[in-house]
PDB file of N, CA and C in Angstrom:
ATOM      1  N   UNK A   1     -26.369   3.289 -10.874  1.00  0.00           N
ATOM      2  CA  UNK A   1     -26.048   1.911 -10.558  1.00  0.00           C
ATOM      3  C   UNK A   1     -27.348   1.116 -10.510  1.00  0.00           C
ATOM      4  N   UNK A   2     -27.399   0.075 -11.272  1.00  0.00           N
ATOM      5  CA  UNK A   2     -28.613  -0.695 -11.433  1.00  0.00           C
ATOM      6  C   UNK A   2     -28.922  -1.551 -10.201  1.00  0.00           C
ATOM      7  N   UNK A   3     -27.900  -2.069  -9.537  1.00  0.00           N
ATOM      8  CA  UNK A   3     -28.099  -2.973  -8.402  1.00  0.00           C
ATOM      9  C   UNK A   3     -27.867  -2.272  -7.066  1.00  0.00           C
ATOM     10  N   UNK A   4     -28.037  -0.985  -7.004  1.00  0.00           N
ATOM     11  CA  UNK A   4     -27.734  -0.213  -5.801  1.00  0.00           C
ATOM     12  C   UNK A   4     -28.613  -0.542  -4.610  1.00  0.00           C
ATOM     13  N   UNK A   5     -29.788  -1.069  -4.831  1.00  0.00           N
ATOM     14  CA  UNK A   5     -30.705  -1.341  -3.715  1.00  0.00           C
ATOM     15  C   UNK A   5     -30.322  -2.561  -2.900  1.00  0.00           C
ATOM     16  N   UNK A   6     -29.377  -3.371  -3.397  1.00  0.00           N
ATOM     17  CA  UNK A   6     -28.953  -4.552  -2.626  1.00  0.00           C
ATOM     18  C   UNK A   6     -28.377  -4.143  -1.277  1.00  0.00           C
ATOM     19  N   UNK A   7     -27.774  -2.940  -1.216  1.00  0.00           N
ATOM     20  CA  UNK A   7     -27.160  -2.502   0.030  1.00  0.00           C
ATOM     21  C   UNK A   7     -28.192  -2.059   1.056  1.00  0.00           C
ATOM     22  N   UNK A   8     -29.467  -1.995   0.660  1.00  0.00           N
ATOM     23  CA  UNK A   8     -30.532  -1.767   1.634  1.00  0.00           C
ATOM     24  C   UNK A   8     -30.840  -3.054   2.395  1.00  0.00           C
ATOM     25  N   UNK A   9     -30.499  -4.190   1.816  1.00  0.00           N
ATOM     26  CA  UNK A   9     -30.767  -5.493   2.423  1.00  0.00           C
ATOM     27  C   UNK A   9     -29.516  -6.027   3.112  1.00  0.00           C
ATOM     28  N   UNK A  10     -28.365  -5.919   2.456  1.00  0.00           N
ATOM     29  CA  UNK A  10     -27.101  -6.448   2.972  1.00  0.00           C
ATOM     30  C   UNK A  10     -26.149  -5.285   3.204  1.00  0.00           C
ATOM     31  N   UNK A  11     -25.543  -5.223   4.384  1.00  0.00           N
ATOM     32  CA  UNK A  11     -24.582  -4.162   4.670  1.00  0.00           C
ATOM     33  C   UNK A  11     -23.334  -4.350   3.808  1.00  0.00           C
ATOM     34  N   UNK A  12     -22.739  -3.267   3.322  1.00  0.00           N
ATOM     35  CA  UNK A  12     -21.514  -3.389   2.527  1.00  0.00           C
ATOM     36  C   UNK A  12     -20.354  -4.009   3.308  1.00  0.00           C
ATOM     37  N   UNK A  13     -20.338  -3.838   4.622  1.00  0.00           N
ATOM     38  CA  UNK A  13     -19.256  -4.428   5.424  1.00  0.00           C
ATOM     39  C   UNK A  13     -19.364  -5.941   5.490  1.00  0.00           C
ATOM     40  N   UNK A  14     -20.525  -6.479   5.194  1.00  0.00           N
ATOM     41  CA  UNK A  14     -20.711  -7.927   5.144  1.00  0.00           C
ATOM     42  C   UNK A  14     -20.694  -8.418   3.705  1.00  0.00           C
ATOM     43  N   UNK A  15     -21.366  -7.709   2.817  1.00  0.00           N
ATOM     44  CA  UNK A  15     -21.544  -8.155   1.448  1.00  0.00           C
ATOM     45  C   UNK A  15     -20.278  -8.128   0.619  1.00  0.00           C
ATOM     46  N   UNK A  16     -19.481  -7.068   0.739  1.00  0.00           N
ATOM     47  CA  UNK A  16     -18.270  -6.973  -0.070  1.00  0.00           C
ATOM     48  C   UNK A  16     -17.232  -8.029   0.278  1.00  0.00           C
ATOM     49  N   UNK A  17     -16.892  -8.247   1.548  1.00  0.00           N
ATOM     50  CA  UNK A  17     -15.950  -9.336   1.846  1.00  0.00           C
ATOM     51  C   UNK A  17     -16.496 -10.713   1.460  1.00  0.00           C
ATOM     52  N   UNK A  18     -17.785 -10.917   1.600  1.00  0.00           N
ATOM     53  CA  UNK A  18     -18.386 -12.189   1.202  1.00  0.00           C
ATOM     54  C   UNK A  18     -18.281 -12.378  -0.303  1.00  0.00           C
ATOM     55  N   UNK A  19     -18.568 -11.337  -1.070  1.00  0.00           N
ATOM     56  CA  UNK A  19     -18.466 -11.407  -2.523  1.00  0.00           C
ATOM     57  C   UNK A  19     -17.025 -11.630  -2.955  1.00  0.00           C
ATOM     58  N   UNK A  20     -16.087 -10.874  -2.397  1.00  0.00           N
ATOM     59  CA  UNK A  20     -14.683 -11.014  -2.784  1.00  0.00           C
ATOM     60  C   UNK A  20     -14.116 -12.362  -2.353  1.00  0.00           C
ATOM     61  N   UNK A  21     -14.547 -12.868  -1.211  1.00  0.00           N
ATOM     62  CA  UNK A  21     -14.115 -14.186  -0.770  1.00  0.00           C
ATOM     63  C   UNK A  21     -14.626 -15.275  -1.677  1.00  0.00           C
ATOM     64  N   UNK A  22     -15.848 -15.130  -2.154  1.00  0.00           N
ATOM     65  CA  UNK A  22     -16.415 -16.098  -3.087  1.00  0.00           C
ATOM     66  C   UNK A  22     -15.654 -16.088  -4.404  1.00  0.00           C
ATOM     67  N   UNK A  23     -15.326 -14.900  -4.897  1.00  0.00           N
ATOM     68  CA  UNK A  23     -14.544 -14.786  -6.130  1.00  0.00           C
ATOM     69  C   UNK A  23     -13.172 -15.432  -5.942  1.00  0.00           C
ATOM     70  N   UNK A  24     -12.556 -15.227  -4.797  1.00  0.00           N
ATOM     71  CA  UNK A  24     -11.247 -15.813  -4.509  1.00  0.00           C
ATOM     72  C   UNK A  24     -11.313 -17.340  -4.507  1.00  0.00           C
ATOM     73  N   UNK A  25     -12.303 -17.896  -3.838  1.00  0.00           N
ATOM     74  CA  UNK A  25     -12.432 -19.352  -3.756  1.00  0.00           C
ATOM     75  C   UNK A  25     -12.673 -19.953  -5.136  1.00  0.00           C
ATOM     76  N   UNK A  26     -13.539 -19.334  -5.928  1.00  0.00           N
ATOM     77  CA  UNK A  26     -13.806 -19.844  -7.277  1.00  0.00           C
ATOM     78  C   UNK A  26     -12.551 -19.769  -8.131  1.00  0.00           C
ATOM     79  N   UNK A  27     -11.815 -18.674  -8.016  1.00  0.00           N
ATOM     80  CA  UNK A  27     -10.587 -18.515  -8.792  1.00  0.00           C
ATOM     81  C   UNK A  27      -9.556 -19.577  -8.411  1.00  0.00           C
ATOM     82  N   UNK A  28      -9.389 -19.839  -7.136  1.00  0.00           N
ATOM     83  CA  UNK A  28      -8.435 -20.857  -6.698  1.00  0.00           C
ATOM     84  C   UNK A  28      -8.849 -22.251  -7.165  1.00  0.00           C
ATOM     85  N   UNK A  29     -10.135 -22.542  -7.121  1.00  0.00           N
ATOM     86  CA  UNK A  29     -10.611 -23.845  -7.581  1.00  0.00           C
ATOM     87  C   UNK A  29     -10.391 -24.028  -9.081  1.00  0.00           C
ATOM     88  N   UNK A  30     -10.636 -22.983  -9.859  1.00  0.00           N
ATOM     89  CA  UNK A  30     -10.426 -23.076 -11.299  1.00  0.00           C
ATOM     90  C   UNK A  30      -8.946 -23.259 -11.606  1.00  0.00           C
ATOM     91  N   UNK A  31      -8.083 -22.490 -10.951  1.00  0.00           N
ATOM     92  CA  UNK A  31      -6.652 -22.622 -11.190  1.00  0.00           C
ATOM     93  C   UNK A  31      -6.148 -24.003 -10.791  1.00  0.00           C
ATOM     94  N   UNK A  32      -6.610 -24.510  -9.659  1.00  0.00           N
ATOM     95  CA  UNK A  32      -6.182 -25.830  -9.217  1.00  0.00           C
ATOM     96  C   UNK A  32      -6.614 -26.908 -10.200  1.00  0.00           C
ATOM     97  N   UNK A  33      -7.855 -26.826 -10.664  1.00  0.00           N
ATOM     98  CA  UNK A  33      -8.333 -27.863 -11.582  1.00  0.00           C
ATOM     99  C   UNK A  33      -7.610 -27.802 -12.923  1.00  0.00           C
ATOM    100  N   UNK A  34      -7.312 -26.611 -13.409  1.00  0.00           N
ATOM    101  CA  UNK A  34      -6.585 -26.502 -14.678  1.00  0.00           C
ATOM    102  C   UNK A  34      -5.168 -27.040 -14.530  1.00  0.00           C
ATOM    103  N   UNK A  35      -4.501 -26.665 -13.452  1.00  0.00           N
ATOM    104  CA  UNK A  35      -3.113 -27.091 -13.278  1.00  0.00           C
ATOM    105  C   UNK A  35      -2.989 -28.573 -12.933  1.00  0.00           C
ATOM    106  N   UNK A  36      -3.967 -29.122 -12.246  1.00  0.00           N
ATOM    107  CA  UNK A  36      -3.876 -30.542 -11.902  1.00  0.00           C
ATOM    108  C   UNK A  36      -4.302 -31.447 -13.056  1.00  0.00           C
ATOM    109  N   UNK A  37      -5.045 -30.934 -14.016  1.00  0.00           N
ATOM    110  CA  UNK A  37      -5.503 -31.743 -15.140  1.00  0.00           C
ATOM    111  C   UNK A  37      -4.739 -31.474 -16.427  1.00  0.00           C
ATOM    112  N   UNK A  38      -3.658 -30.731 -16.341  1.00  0.00           N
ATOM    113  CA  UNK A  38      -2.859 -30.473 -17.538  1.00  0.00           C
ATOM    114  C   UNK A  38      -1.656 -31.419 -17.557  1.00  0.00           C
ATOM    115  N   UNK A  39      -1.164 -31.702 -18.747  1.00  0.00           N
ATOM    116  CA  UNK A  39      -0.039 -32.631 -18.881  1.00  0.00           C
ATOM    117  C   UNK A  39       1.308 -31.928 -18.721  1.00  0.00           C
ATOM    118  N   UNK A  40       1.375 -30.647 -19.043  1.00  0.00           N
ATOM    119  CA  UNK A  40       2.668 -29.966 -19.044  1.00  0.00           C
ATOM    120  C   UNK A  40       3.082 -29.482 -17.663  1.00  0.00           C
ATOM    121  N   UNK A  41       2.131 -29.240 -16.763  1.00  0.00           N
ATOM    122  CA  UNK A  41       2.493 -28.641 -15.479  1.00  0.00           C
ATOM    123  C   UNK A  41       3.315 -29.575 -14.585  1.00  0.00           C
ATOM    124  N   UNK A  42       2.950 -30.850 -14.422  1.00  0.00           N
ATOM    125  CA  UNK A  42       3.799 -31.731 -13.615  1.00  0.00           C
ATOM    126  C   UNK A  42       5.206 -31.881 -14.199  1.00  0.00           C
ATOM    127  N   UNK A  43       5.306 -31.923 -15.512  1.00  0.00           N
ATOM    128  CA  UNK A  43       6.629 -31.999 -16.137  1.00  0.00           C
ATOM    129  C   UNK A  43       7.419 -30.725 -15.889  1.00  0.00           C
ATOM    130  N   UNK A  44       6.763 -29.599 -15.903  1.00  0.00           N
ATOM    131  CA  UNK A  44       7.424 -28.323 -15.637  1.00  0.00           C
ATOM    132  C   UNK A  44       7.936 -28.265 -14.192  1.00  0.00           C
ATOM    133  N   UNK A  45       7.142 -28.737 -13.247  1.00  0.00           N
ATOM    134  CA  UNK A  45       7.565 -28.735 -11.839  1.00  0.00           C
ATOM    135  C   UNK A  45       8.760 -29.673 -11.639  1.00  0.00           C
ATOM    136  N   UNK A  46       8.796 -30.791 -12.351  1.00  0.00           N
ATOM    137  CA  UNK A  46       9.904 -31.739 -12.233  1.00  0.00           C
ATOM    138  C   UNK A  46      11.136 -31.293 -12.998  1.00  0.00           C
ATOM    139  N   UNK A  47      11.027 -30.214 -13.754  1.00  0.00           N
ATOM    140  CA  UNK A  47      12.182 -29.683 -14.471  1.00  0.00           C
ATOM    141  C   UNK A  47      12.322 -30.235 -15.871  1.00  0.00           C
ATOM    142  N   UNK A  48      11.251 -30.806 -16.386  1.00  0.00           N
ATOM    143  CA  UNK A  48      11.334 -31.438 -17.698  1.00  0.00           C
ATOM    144  C   UNK A  48      10.936 -30.571 -18.839  1.00  0.00           C
TER     145      UNK A  48
END
């Protein structure tokens, strides 16, 4: 593992939830921006 030494600085019990939480937040922001800026999604929600 190339980045194995990071766990000498940051504990895995802190680093892994922080990393996964960051991935979750970025994913939600990307999905929200795509769905709010598309033309077909509001029509789909309204049943059109």
